Amino acid sequence: MQSDEKKALAGQLFNGCWDLLEKSVRTSDDDVMLLTSAFASKYLWLDIGGPQELAVGDWMISRAAAATGFGDLAVAFAQRAVDNSPSEPDWLVASAAEGLARAYAAAGDTARREEWTATAASLVEAIVDAEDRALIANQLASIPE
């Protein structure tokens, strides 16, 4: 498979994750597809992506794991996203922190969820682009209590 084909497939898999995350009701088969797609997208980016794509891939695995009840897996990949995110763009740094807050919520760690929610909120405020800031703020606001 050529690099451009891998890039297209990685993007389709990633977008498919969003489609599944946004379903009002997911079946157990949907959850399997969500996790599989997140891992498959990340796998493709390992070969063709840079630091930003790799961090976003870890973030999506964490998001999928949190949504499907795998809190520990969510925390592990969210921490990877935080640790490996480049310092720019600003939305990525805030998004990684949001992901860790969401992961801790999925893992049932209220204290760390609150800590990372506060960290993410301050990083969201620093996002220069209003559209990016609104997107990450909405994601942050959707973290379960």
N, C-alpha and C. Protein backbone atom coordinates (compact mmCIF):
# COMPACT_ATOMS: atom_id res chain seq x y z
N MET A 1 0.85 -1.17 0.00
CA MET A 1 0.00 0.00 0.00
C MET A 1 0.90 1.23 0.00
N GLN A 2 0.59 2.17 -0.86
CA GLN A 2 1.35 3.41 -0.96
C GLN A 2 1.01 4.35 0.20
N SER A 3 1.91 5.29 0.46
CA SER A 3 1.71 6.24 1.56
C SER A 3 0.41 7.02 1.43
N ASP A 4 0.08 7.47 0.22
CA ASP A 4 -1.16 8.24 0.06
C ASP A 4 -2.39 7.37 0.32
N GLU A 5 -2.31 6.10 0.00
CA GLU A 5 -3.42 5.18 0.29
C GLU A 5 -3.53 4.94 1.80
N LYS A 6 -2.39 4.81 2.47
CA LYS A 6 -2.39 4.64 3.93
C LYS A 6 -2.98 5.88 4.60
N LYS A 7 -2.58 7.04 4.12
CA LYS A 7 -3.08 8.29 4.70
C LYS A 7 -4.60 8.39 4.53
N ALA A 8 -5.09 8.06 3.36
CA ALA A 8 -6.54 8.11 3.11
C ALA A 8 -7.28 7.11 4.00
N LEU A 9 -6.75 5.90 4.11
CA LEU A 9 -7.39 4.89 4.94
C LEU A 9 -7.35 5.26 6.41
N ALA A 10 -6.21 5.79 6.87
CA ALA A 10 -6.09 6.22 8.26
C ALA A 10 -7.14 7.30 8.57
N GLY A 11 -7.32 8.23 7.66
CA GLY A 11 -8.32 9.28 7.84
C GLY A 11 -9.74 8.73 7.84
N GLN A 12 -10.03 7.78 6.96
CA GLN A 12 -11.36 7.17 6.93
C GLN A 12 -11.65 6.43 8.23
N LEU A 13 -10.67 5.70 8.72
CA LEU A 13 -10.85 4.98 9.98
C LEU A 13 -11.07 5.95 11.14
N PHE A 14 -10.28 7.02 11.18
CA PHE A 14 -10.42 8.03 12.23
C PHE A 14 -11.81 8.66 12.17
N ASN A 15 -12.25 9.06 10.97
CA ASN A 15 -13.57 9.67 10.83
C ASN A 15 -14.67 8.68 11.18
N GLY A 16 -14.44 7.41 10.88
CA GLY A 16 -15.41 6.39 11.28
C GLY A 16 -15.55 6.28 12.79
N CYS A 17 -14.45 6.53 13.49
CA CYS A 17 -14.52 6.55 14.96
C CYS A 17 -15.48 7.64 15.42
N TRP A 18 -15.36 8.82 14.82
CA TRP A 18 -16.27 9.92 15.19
C TRP A 18 -17.72 9.54 14.91
N ASP A 19 -17.96 8.92 13.76
CA ASP A 19 -19.33 8.50 13.44
C ASP A 19 -19.87 7.57 14.52
N LEU A 20 -19.06 6.65 14.97
CA LEU A 20 -19.49 5.71 16.01
C LEU A 20 -19.63 6.40 17.37
N LEU A 21 -18.71 7.29 17.69
CA LEU A 21 -18.80 8.02 18.97
C LEU A 21 -20.06 8.88 19.05
N GLU A 22 -20.50 9.39 17.91
CA GLU A 22 -21.64 10.30 17.89
C GLU A 22 -22.99 9.59 17.79
N LYS A 23 -22.98 8.27 17.66
CA LYS A 23 -24.24 7.53 17.63
C LYS A 23 -24.93 7.66 18.99
N SER A 24 -26.22 7.86 18.97
CA SER A 24 -26.95 7.99 20.23
C SER A 24 -27.00 6.66 20.98
N VAL A 25 -27.02 5.56 20.23
CA VAL A 25 -26.99 4.23 20.83
C VAL A 25 -26.01 3.39 20.02
N ARG A 26 -25.02 2.83 20.73
CA ARG A 26 -24.06 1.95 20.08
C ARG A 26 -24.28 0.52 20.57
N THR A 27 -24.14 -0.41 19.66
CA THR A 27 -24.23 -1.82 20.02
C THR A 27 -22.83 -2.30 20.46
N SER A 28 -22.76 -3.51 20.98
CA SER A 28 -21.45 -4.05 21.34
C SER A 28 -20.60 -4.24 20.08
N ASP A 29 -21.22 -4.56 18.95
CA ASP A 29 -20.47 -4.65 17.69
C ASP A 29 -19.94 -3.27 17.28
N ASP A 30 -20.72 -2.22 17.52
CA ASP A 30 -20.24 -0.86 17.25
C ASP A 30 -19.02 -0.54 18.12
N ASP A 31 -19.07 -0.96 19.38
CA ASP A 31 -17.94 -0.71 20.28
C ASP A 31 -16.68 -1.42 19.80
N VAL A 32 -16.84 -2.65 19.33
CA VAL A 32 -15.69 -3.38 18.78
C VAL A 32 -15.15 -2.66 17.56
N MET A 33 -16.04 -2.21 16.68
CA MET A 33 -15.62 -1.48 15.49
C MET A 33 -14.93 -0.17 15.87
N LEU A 34 -15.42 0.51 16.88
CA LEU A 34 -14.83 1.76 17.34
C LEU A 34 -13.39 1.53 17.80
N LEU A 35 -13.19 0.58 18.67
CA LEU A 35 -11.84 0.31 19.17
C LEU A 35 -10.93 -0.19 18.06
N THR A 36 -11.43 -1.08 17.24
CA THR A 36 -10.62 -1.62 16.14
C THR A 36 -10.21 -0.52 15.17
N SER A 37 -11.14 0.35 14.84
CA SER A 37 -10.86 1.45 13.91
C SER A 37 -9.83 2.41 14.50
N ALA A 38 -9.95 2.70 15.78
CA ALA A 38 -8.99 3.61 16.42
C ALA A 38 -7.58 3.02 16.38
N PHE A 39 -7.47 1.75 16.72
CA PHE A 39 -6.15 1.10 16.67
C PHE A 39 -5.63 0.98 15.25
N ALA A 40 -6.49 0.65 14.30
CA ALA A 40 -6.06 0.51 12.91
C ALA A 40 -5.58 1.85 12.35
N SER A 41 -6.28 2.92 12.66
CA SER A 41 -5.86 4.24 12.20
C SER A 41 -4.48 4.57 12.77
N LYS A 42 -4.31 4.36 14.05
CA LYS A 42 -3.02 4.64 14.70
C LYS A 42 -1.92 3.78 14.08
N TYR A 43 -2.21 2.53 13.80
CA TYR A 43 -1.23 1.63 13.19
C TYR A 43 -0.73 2.20 11.86
N LEU A 44 -1.65 2.67 11.05
CA LEU A 44 -1.25 3.25 9.76
C LEU A 44 -0.41 4.50 9.96
N TRP A 45 -0.78 5.35 10.93
CA TRP A 45 -0.02 6.58 11.17
C TRP A 45 1.38 6.29 11.68
N LEU A 46 1.57 5.13 12.35
CA LEU A 46 2.92 4.79 12.82
C LEU A 46 3.91 4.76 11.68
N ASP A 47 3.44 4.39 10.52
CA ASP A 47 4.31 4.29 9.34
C ASP A 47 4.44 5.60 8.58
N ILE A 48 3.38 6.41 8.56
CA ILE A 48 3.37 7.57 7.66
C ILE A 48 3.20 8.91 8.37
N GLY A 49 2.92 8.89 9.66
CA GLY A 49 2.60 10.14 10.35
C GLY A 49 3.79 10.77 11.05
N GLY A 50 3.55 12.00 11.47
CA GLY A 50 4.51 12.72 12.28
C GLY A 50 4.03 12.78 13.72
N PRO A 51 4.69 13.56 14.54
CA PRO A 51 4.34 13.64 15.95
C PRO A 51 2.87 14.03 16.20
N GLN A 52 2.34 14.94 15.40
CA GLN A 52 0.96 15.37 15.60
C GLN A 52 -0.01 14.21 15.33
N GLU A 53 0.16 13.51 14.23
CA GLU A 53 -0.74 12.41 13.90
C GLU A 53 -0.63 11.28 14.93
N LEU A 54 0.57 11.03 15.42
CA LEU A 54 0.75 9.98 16.41
C LEU A 54 0.07 10.34 17.73
N ALA A 55 0.18 11.59 18.14
CA ALA A 55 -0.49 12.03 19.37
C ALA A 55 -2.01 11.98 19.22
N VAL A 56 -2.50 12.41 18.07
CA VAL A 56 -3.95 12.37 17.82
C VAL A 56 -4.43 10.92 17.78
N GLY A 57 -3.62 10.04 17.23
CA GLY A 57 -3.97 8.63 17.21
C GLY A 57 -4.09 8.06 18.62
N ASP A 58 -3.15 8.40 19.49
CA ASP A 58 -3.24 7.96 20.89
C ASP A 58 -4.47 8.55 21.56
N TRP A 59 -4.74 9.83 21.26
CA TRP A 59 -5.92 10.48 21.83
C TRP A 59 -7.20 9.74 21.41
N MET A 60 -7.31 9.37 20.13
CA MET A 60 -8.51 8.69 19.65
C MET A 60 -8.65 7.31 20.28
N ILE A 61 -7.55 6.59 20.43
CA ILE A 61 -7.64 5.29 21.12
C ILE A 61 -8.16 5.51 22.53
N SER A 62 -7.64 6.52 23.20
CA SER A 62 -8.10 6.82 24.55
C SER A 62 -9.59 7.17 24.57
N ARG A 63 -9.99 7.99 23.61
CA ARG A 63 -11.40 8.40 23.54
C ARG A 63 -12.30 7.19 23.30
N ALA A 64 -11.88 6.29 22.40
CA ALA A 64 -12.65 5.09 22.11
C ALA A 64 -12.70 4.17 23.34
N ALA A 65 -11.57 4.03 24.00
CA ALA A 65 -11.52 3.17 25.19
C ALA A 65 -12.40 3.74 26.30
N ALA A 66 -12.37 5.04 26.49
CA ALA A 66 -13.23 5.66 27.52
C ALA A 66 -14.70 5.45 27.19
N ALA A 67 -15.05 5.57 25.92
CA ALA A 67 -16.45 5.44 25.51
C ALA A 67 -16.96 4.01 25.62
N THR A 68 -16.05 3.06 25.62
CA THR A 68 -16.45 1.65 25.64
C THR A 68 -16.18 0.98 26.99
N GLY A 69 -15.81 1.78 27.99
CA GLY A 69 -15.69 1.26 29.34
C GLY A 69 -14.35 0.68 29.73
N PHE A 70 -13.31 1.01 28.99
CA PHE A 70 -11.97 0.51 29.30
C PHE A 70 -11.13 1.66 29.87
N GLY A 71 -11.43 2.03 31.12
CA GLY A 71 -10.81 3.18 31.75
C GLY A 71 -9.30 3.12 31.82
N ASP A 72 -8.74 1.97 32.20
CA ASP A 72 -7.28 1.86 32.32
C ASP A 72 -6.60 2.02 30.96
N LEU A 73 -7.18 1.43 29.93
CA LEU A 73 -6.65 1.59 28.58
C LEU A 73 -6.75 3.05 28.14
N ALA A 74 -7.86 3.68 28.47
CA ALA A 74 -8.05 5.09 28.14
C ALA A 74 -6.97 5.95 28.79
N VAL A 75 -6.69 5.69 30.05
CA VAL A 75 -5.66 6.47 30.76
C VAL A 75 -4.29 6.24 30.12
N ALA A 76 -3.96 5.01 29.81
CA ALA A 76 -2.64 4.70 29.23
C ALA A 76 -2.43 5.45 27.93
N PHE A 77 -3.41 5.45 27.04
CA PHE A 77 -3.23 6.11 25.76
C PHE A 77 -3.38 7.63 25.87
N ALA A 78 -4.20 8.11 26.77
CA ALA A 78 -4.29 9.56 26.97
C ALA A 78 -2.98 10.10 27.53
N GLN A 79 -2.36 9.34 28.42
CA GLN A 79 -1.06 9.78 28.96
C GLN A 79 -0.02 9.80 27.86
N ARG A 80 -0.05 8.83 26.95
CA ARG A 80 0.85 8.84 25.80
C ARG A 80 0.63 10.09 24.96
N ALA A 81 -0.64 10.45 24.75
CA ALA A 81 -0.94 11.65 23.96
C ALA A 81 -0.37 12.90 24.63
N VAL A 82 -0.53 13.00 25.95
CA VAL A 82 0.00 14.15 26.68
C VAL A 82 1.53 14.16 26.60
N ASP A 83 2.14 13.00 26.84
CA ASP A 83 3.60 12.92 26.88
C ASP A 83 4.24 13.16 25.52
N ASN A 84 3.56 12.77 24.45
CA ASN A 84 4.17 12.81 23.12
C ASN A 84 3.63 13.92 22.22
N SER A 85 2.72 14.73 22.71
CA SER A 85 2.20 15.82 21.88
C SER A 85 3.27 16.88 21.69
N PRO A 86 3.41 17.35 20.45
CA PRO A 86 4.31 18.49 20.26
C PRO A 86 3.72 19.71 20.98
N SER A 87 4.54 20.69 21.24
CA SER A 87 4.08 21.88 21.97
C SER A 87 3.17 22.77 21.14
N GLU A 88 3.09 22.51 19.86
CA GLU A 88 2.19 23.22 18.97
C GLU A 88 1.59 22.22 18.00
N PRO A 89 0.41 22.40 17.53
CA PRO A 89 -0.48 23.54 17.71
C PRO A 89 -1.12 23.56 19.10
N ASP A 90 -1.59 24.74 19.48
CA ASP A 90 -2.14 24.92 20.81
C ASP A 90 -3.37 24.05 21.07
N TRP A 91 -4.19 23.81 20.04
CA TRP A 91 -5.38 23.00 20.22
C TRP A 91 -5.02 21.55 20.57
N LEU A 92 -3.90 21.06 20.04
CA LEU A 92 -3.49 19.68 20.30
C LEU A 92 -3.09 19.50 21.76
N VAL A 93 -2.38 20.47 22.30
CA VAL A 93 -1.97 20.41 23.70
C VAL A 93 -3.20 20.40 24.61
N ALA A 94 -4.16 21.27 24.31
CA ALA A 94 -5.40 21.31 25.10
C ALA A 94 -6.21 20.03 24.92
N SER A 95 -6.26 19.52 23.70
CA SER A 95 -7.00 18.31 23.42
C SER A 95 -6.42 17.11 24.16
N ALA A 96 -5.10 17.02 24.22
CA ALA A 96 -4.46 15.93 24.94
C ALA A 96 -4.82 15.98 26.42
N ALA A 97 -4.84 17.17 27.00
CA ALA A 97 -5.23 17.32 28.41
C ALA A 97 -6.70 16.95 28.61
N GLU A 98 -7.54 17.36 27.67
CA GLU A 98 -8.97 16.98 27.72
C GLU A 98 -9.10 15.47 27.69
N GLY A 99 -8.31 14.83 26.85
CA GLY A 99 -8.36 13.37 26.75
C GLY A 99 -7.97 12.69 28.04
N LEU A 100 -6.99 13.23 28.72
CA LEU A 100 -6.58 12.63 30.00
C LEU A 100 -7.65 12.84 31.07
N ALA A 101 -8.29 14.00 31.07
CA ALA A 101 -9.40 14.22 32.00
C ALA A 101 -10.53 13.23 31.73
N ARG A 102 -10.87 13.02 30.47
CA ARG A 102 -11.92 12.07 30.08
C ARG A 102 -11.54 10.64 30.48
N ALA A 103 -10.27 10.30 30.27
CA ALA A 103 -9.80 8.97 30.61
C ALA A 103 -9.90 8.71 32.12
N TYR A 104 -9.49 9.70 32.91
CA TYR A 104 -9.61 9.54 34.36
C TYR A 104 -11.07 9.43 34.78
N ALA A 105 -11.95 10.14 34.10
CA ALA A 105 -13.39 9.99 34.39
C ALA A 105 -13.83 8.56 34.10
N ALA A 106 -13.39 8.01 32.97
CA ALA A 106 -13.76 6.64 32.61
C ALA A 106 -13.18 5.62 33.60
N ALA A 107 -12.01 5.94 34.16
CA ALA A 107 -11.37 5.05 35.12
C ALA A 107 -11.92 5.22 36.54
N GLY A 108 -12.78 6.22 36.73
CA GLY A 108 -13.37 6.45 38.04
C GLY A 108 -12.49 7.21 39.01
N ASP A 109 -11.46 7.89 38.52
CA ASP A 109 -10.54 8.65 39.36
C ASP A 109 -10.97 10.12 39.34
N THR A 110 -11.86 10.45 40.27
CA THR A 110 -12.46 11.79 40.32
C THR A 110 -11.43 12.88 40.55
N ALA A 111 -10.50 12.66 41.46
CA ALA A 111 -9.51 13.69 41.78
C ALA A 111 -8.65 14.03 40.56
N ARG A 112 -8.18 13.01 39.86
CA ARG A 112 -7.37 13.29 38.68
C ARG A 112 -8.21 13.83 37.54
N ARG A 113 -9.47 13.41 37.42
CA ARG A 113 -10.36 13.99 36.41
C ARG A 113 -10.48 15.48 36.65
N GLU A 114 -10.72 15.88 37.89
CA GLU A 114 -10.86 17.30 38.21
C GLU A 114 -9.56 18.06 37.94
N GLU A 115 -8.43 17.47 38.30
CA GLU A 115 -7.13 18.10 38.07
C GLU A 115 -6.89 18.33 36.59
N TRP A 116 -7.14 17.32 35.77
CA TRP A 116 -6.89 17.44 34.34
C TRP A 116 -7.96 18.26 33.63
N THR A 117 -9.16 18.29 34.19
CA THR A 117 -10.20 19.17 33.63
C THR A 117 -9.78 20.63 33.82
N ALA A 118 -9.26 20.95 34.99
CA ALA A 118 -8.79 22.32 35.25
C ALA A 118 -7.60 22.67 34.35
N THR A 119 -6.68 21.74 34.20
CA THR A 119 -5.53 21.96 33.32
C THR A 119 -5.99 22.19 31.89
N ALA A 120 -6.88 21.32 31.43
CA ALA A 120 -7.38 21.45 30.05
C ALA A 120 -8.13 22.77 29.87
N ALA A 121 -8.92 23.17 30.85
CA ALA A 121 -9.68 24.42 30.74
C ALA A 121 -8.75 25.61 30.58
N SER A 122 -7.65 25.62 31.31
CA SER A 122 -6.74 26.75 31.16
C SER A 122 -6.01 26.69 29.82
N LEU A 123 -5.73 25.50 29.32
CA LEU A 123 -5.11 25.37 28.00
C LEU A 123 -6.09 25.75 26.89
N VAL A 124 -7.36 25.44 27.08
CA VAL A 124 -8.38 25.83 26.10
C VAL A 124 -8.44 27.34 25.99
N GLU A 125 -8.37 28.03 27.11
CA GLU A 125 -8.42 29.50 27.10
C GLU A 125 -7.27 30.10 26.30
N ALA A 126 -6.16 29.38 26.21
CA ALA A 126 -4.98 29.89 25.51
C ALA A 126 -5.00 29.60 24.01
N ILE A 127 -6.00 28.86 23.52
CA ILE A 127 -6.08 28.55 22.10
C ILE A 127 -6.41 29.83 21.34
N VAL A 128 -5.60 30.17 20.37
CA VAL A 128 -5.75 31.43 19.64
C VAL A 128 -6.97 31.41 18.72
N ASP A 129 -7.14 30.37 17.93
CA ASP A 129 -8.24 30.30 16.97
C ASP A 129 -9.56 30.02 17.69
N ALA A 130 -10.54 30.89 17.47
CA ALA A 130 -11.83 30.77 18.17
C ALA A 130 -12.55 29.47 17.84
N GLU A 131 -12.48 29.02 16.60
CA GLU A 131 -13.15 27.77 16.21
C GLU A 131 -12.51 26.56 16.90
N ASP A 132 -11.18 26.53 16.92
CA ASP A 132 -10.48 25.45 17.61
C ASP A 132 -10.79 25.49 19.11
N ARG A 133 -10.79 26.69 19.67
CA ARG A 133 -11.07 26.85 21.10
C ARG A 133 -12.47 26.33 21.43
N ALA A 134 -13.46 26.66 20.60
CA ALA A 134 -14.84 26.21 20.83
C ALA A 134 -14.95 24.69 20.71
N LEU A 135 -14.26 24.11 19.75
CA LEU A 135 -14.31 22.66 19.56
C LEU A 135 -13.78 21.92 20.78
N ILE A 136 -12.61 22.31 21.26
CA ILE A 136 -12.01 21.63 22.40
C ILE A 136 -12.80 21.94 23.68
N ALA A 137 -13.32 23.16 23.80
CA ALA A 137 -14.15 23.49 24.96
C ALA A 137 -15.40 22.62 25.00
N ASN A 138 -16.01 22.38 23.85
CA ASN A 138 -17.20 21.51 23.81
C ASN A 138 -16.85 20.08 24.19
N GLN A 139 -15.71 19.60 23.73
CA GLN A 139 -15.28 18.26 24.11
C GLN A 139 -15.05 18.19 25.61
N LEU A 140 -14.41 19.21 26.16
CA LEU A 140 -14.15 19.26 27.59
C LEU A 140 -15.46 19.27 28.38
N ALA A 141 -16.43 20.03 27.91
CA ALA A 141 -17.72 20.12 28.60
C ALA A 141 -18.50 18.82 28.56
N SER A 142 -18.17 17.93 27.62
CA SER A 142 -18.90 16.68 27.50
C SER A 142 -18.35 15.53 28.37
N ILE A 143 -17.29 15.82 29.13
CA ILE A 143 -16.73 14.78 30.00
C ILE A 143 -17.73 14.47 31.10
N PRO A 144 -18.02 13.19 31.30
CA PRO A 144 -18.97 12.82 32.37
C PRO A 144 -18.42 13.19 33.76
N GLU A 145 -19.32 13.55 34.62
CA GLU A 145 -18.96 13.88 36.02
C GLU A 145 -18.54 12.64 36.76
